[in-house]
Amino acid sequence: MLLAGCQLDRSNFHREYHQGHLALQGNSTLLPFLLEHEPFTEQAVAFFLTGRIAILNRDYSVDVPNRTITWMATSPFGIALSDWMEIRYISKD
């Protein structure tokens, strides 16, 4: 929660890149990596996939305490092994 007069610590903003993971369209797939830091909330995570913006709760979901991301079966596209994933998020610490 942001309060008037408070500033965010720049060290809480993170960007990670991953490649070489497969998630077929129509199947829910737990991506095989952990985020380096625990996200502040599920909504504090943005997922980009080789030029596409993934939509939270349609394309992916975030398990905050376990720092994992699941590619969801409801996504209209899958993840190919050659796709780059960029994850941007705000962490608790």
C-alpha atoms as a PDB file:
ATOM      1  CA  MET A   1       0.000   0.000   0.000  1.00  0.00           C
ATOM      2  CA  LEU A   2       1.349   3.408  -0.929  1.00  0.00           C
ATOM      3  CA  LEU A   3       0.950   6.301   1.470  1.00  0.00           C
ATOM      4  CA  ALA A   4       1.096   9.992   0.644  1.00  0.00           C
ATOM      5  CA  GLY A   5       4.611  11.294   1.116  1.00  0.00           C
ATOM      6  CA  CYS A   6       6.240   7.842   0.904  1.00  0.00           C
ATOM      7  CA  GLN A   7       8.636   6.745  -1.806  1.00  0.00           C
ATOM      8  CA  LEU A   8       9.251   3.306  -3.246  1.00  0.00           C
ATOM      9  CA  ASP A   9      12.659   1.762  -2.777  1.00  0.00           C
ATOM     10  CA  ARG A  10      14.251   1.198  -6.204  1.00  0.00           C
ATOM     11  CA  SER A  11      15.676  -2.123  -5.034  1.00  0.00           C
ATOM     12  CA  ASN A  12      12.125  -3.551  -4.917  1.00  0.00           C
ATOM     13  CA  PHE A  13      11.773  -3.446  -8.735  1.00  0.00           C
ATOM     14  CA  HIS A  14      12.981  -6.591 -10.497  1.00  0.00           C
ATOM     15  CA  ARG A  15      13.315  -7.862 -14.054  1.00  0.00           C
ATOM     16  CA  GLU A  16      14.083 -11.485 -14.929  1.00  0.00           C
ATOM     17  CA  TYR A  17      14.565 -13.226 -18.280  1.00  0.00           C
ATOM     18  CA  HIS A  18      14.015 -16.915 -19.032  1.00  0.00           C
ATOM     19  CA  GLN A  19      14.131 -19.012 -22.194  1.00  0.00           C
ATOM     20  CA  GLY A  20      13.934 -22.691 -23.101  1.00  0.00           C
ATOM     21  CA  HIS A  21      10.678 -23.602 -21.368  1.00  0.00           C
ATOM     22  CA  LEU A  22       7.705 -25.194 -23.116  1.00  0.00           C
ATOM     23  CA  ALA A  23       4.014 -24.667 -22.289  1.00  0.00           C
ATOM     24  CA  LEU A  24       1.543 -26.099 -24.768  1.00  0.00           C
ATOM     25  CA  GLN A  25      -1.623 -24.203 -25.585  1.00  0.00           C
ATOM     26  CA  GLY A  26      -4.638 -25.657 -23.755  1.00  0.00           C
ATOM     27  CA  ASN A  27      -2.608 -27.166 -20.887  1.00  0.00           C
ATOM     28  CA  SER A  28      -1.826 -25.631 -17.504  1.00  0.00           C
ATOM     29  CA  THR A  29       1.942 -25.759 -16.999  1.00  0.00           C
ATOM     30  CA  LEU A  30       3.959 -24.824 -13.914  1.00  0.00           C
ATOM     31  CA  LEU A  31       7.015 -23.015 -15.287  1.00  0.00           C
ATOM     32  CA  PRO A  32      10.209 -24.646 -13.958  1.00  0.00           C
ATOM     33  CA  PHE A  33      11.851 -21.645 -12.309  1.00  0.00           C
ATOM     34  CA  LEU A  34      11.377 -19.605  -9.148  1.00  0.00           C
ATOM     35  CA  LEU A  35      11.285 -15.837  -9.027  1.00  0.00           C
ATOM     36  CA  GLU A  36      14.354 -14.502  -7.236  1.00  0.00           C
ATOM     37  CA  HIS A  37      12.244 -12.477  -4.780  1.00  0.00           C
ATOM     38  CA  GLU A  38       8.723 -12.825  -3.399  1.00  0.00           C
ATOM     39  CA  PRO A  39       6.356 -10.502  -5.290  1.00  0.00           C
ATOM     40  CA  PHE A  40       4.390  -7.917  -3.336  1.00  0.00           C
ATOM     41  CA  THR A  41       1.073  -9.209  -4.765  1.00  0.00           C
ATOM     42  CA  GLU A  42      -0.090 -11.231  -7.727  1.00  0.00           C
ATOM     43  CA  GLN A  43      -1.015  -7.975  -9.497  1.00  0.00           C
ATOM     44  CA  ALA A  44       2.553  -6.660  -9.057  1.00  0.00           C
ATOM     45  CA  VAL A  45       3.835  -9.170 -11.664  1.00  0.00           C
ATOM     46  CA  ALA A  46       3.898  -8.361 -15.398  1.00  0.00           C
ATOM     47  CA  PHE A  47       4.708 -11.133 -17.887  1.00  0.00           C
ATOM     48  CA  PHE A  48       5.963 -10.471 -21.431  1.00  0.00           C
ATOM     49  CA  LEU A  49       6.487 -13.247 -23.969  1.00  0.00           C
ATOM     50  CA  THR A  50       8.517 -12.473 -27.132  1.00  0.00           C
ATOM     51  CA  GLY A  51       6.649  -9.306 -28.027  1.00  0.00           C
ATOM     52  CA  ARG A  52       3.346 -10.226 -26.374  1.00  0.00           C
ATOM     53  CA  ILE A  53       1.897  -8.972 -23.131  1.00  0.00           C
ATOM     54  CA  ALA A  54       0.420 -11.836 -21.135  1.00  0.00           C
ATOM     55  CA  ILE A  55      -2.746 -11.167 -19.154  1.00  0.00           C
ATOM     56  CA  LEU A  56      -2.944 -12.116 -15.473  1.00  0.00           C
ATOM     57  CA  ASN A  57      -5.549 -14.821 -14.712  1.00  0.00           C
ATOM     58  CA  ARG A  58      -6.090 -15.535 -18.416  1.00  0.00           C
ATOM     59  CA  ASP A  59      -2.581 -16.414 -19.595  1.00  0.00           C
ATOM     60  CA  TYR A  60      -0.720 -16.884 -16.317  1.00  0.00           C
ATOM     61  CA  SER A  61      -1.195 -16.993 -12.562  1.00  0.00           C
ATOM     62  CA  VAL A  62       1.283 -16.272  -9.781  1.00  0.00           C
ATOM     63  CA  ASP A  63       1.720 -18.207  -6.540  1.00  0.00           C
ATOM     64  CA  VAL A  64       3.157 -15.395  -4.421  1.00  0.00           C
ATOM     65  CA  PRO A  65       4.462 -17.314  -1.352  1.00  0.00           C
ATOM     66  CA  ASN A  66       6.071 -20.040  -3.503  1.00  0.00           C
ATOM     67  CA  ARG A  67       7.386 -17.534  -6.124  1.00  0.00           C
ATOM     68  CA  THR A  68       6.110 -19.653  -9.038  1.00  0.00           C
ATOM     69  CA  ILE A  69       4.234 -18.862 -12.250  1.00  0.00           C
ATOM     70  CA  THR A  70       1.731 -21.179 -13.944  1.00  0.00           C
ATOM     71  CA  TRP A  71       0.935 -20.825 -17.639  1.00  0.00           C
ATOM     72  CA  MET A  72      -2.824 -21.382 -17.819  1.00  0.00           C
ATOM     73  CA  ALA A  73      -4.874 -23.557 -20.157  1.00  0.00           C
ATOM     74  CA  THR A  74      -7.133 -20.566 -20.919  1.00  0.00           C
ATOM     75  CA  SER A  75      -4.344 -18.731 -22.774  1.00  0.00           C
ATOM     76  CA  PRO A  76      -4.967 -18.419 -26.543  1.00  0.00           C
ATOM     77  CA  PHE A  77      -1.273 -19.204 -27.212  1.00  0.00           C
ATOM     78  CA  GLY A  78       1.464 -21.385 -25.761  1.00  0.00           C
ATOM     79  CA  ILE A  79       5.148 -20.879 -24.987  1.00  0.00           C
ATOM     80  CA  ALA A  80       7.699 -22.253 -27.462  1.00  0.00           C
ATOM     81  CA  LEU A  81      11.218 -23.292 -26.459  1.00  0.00           C
ATOM     82  CA  SER A  82      12.620 -20.352 -28.453  1.00  0.00           C
ATOM     83  CA  ASP A  83      10.388 -17.739 -26.755  1.00  0.00           C
ATOM     84  CA  TRP A  84      11.938 -15.245 -24.356  1.00  0.00           C
ATOM     85  CA  MET A  85      10.011 -14.549 -21.158  1.00  0.00           C
ATOM     86  CA  GLU A  86      10.473 -11.243 -19.384  1.00  0.00           C
ATOM     87  CA  ILE A  87       9.001 -10.967 -15.908  1.00  0.00           C
ATOM     88  CA  ARG A  88       8.845  -7.581 -14.206  1.00  0.00           C
ATOM     89  CA  TYR A  89       7.635  -7.304 -10.638  1.00  0.00           C
ATOM     90  CA  ILE A  90       7.718  -5.407  -7.376  1.00  0.00           C
ATOM     91  CA  SER A  91       8.898  -7.453  -4.421  1.00  0.00           C
ATOM     92  CA  LYS A  92       8.203  -7.325  -0.696  1.00  0.00           C
ATOM     93  CA  ASP A  93      11.880  -7.045   0.202  1.00  0.00           C
END
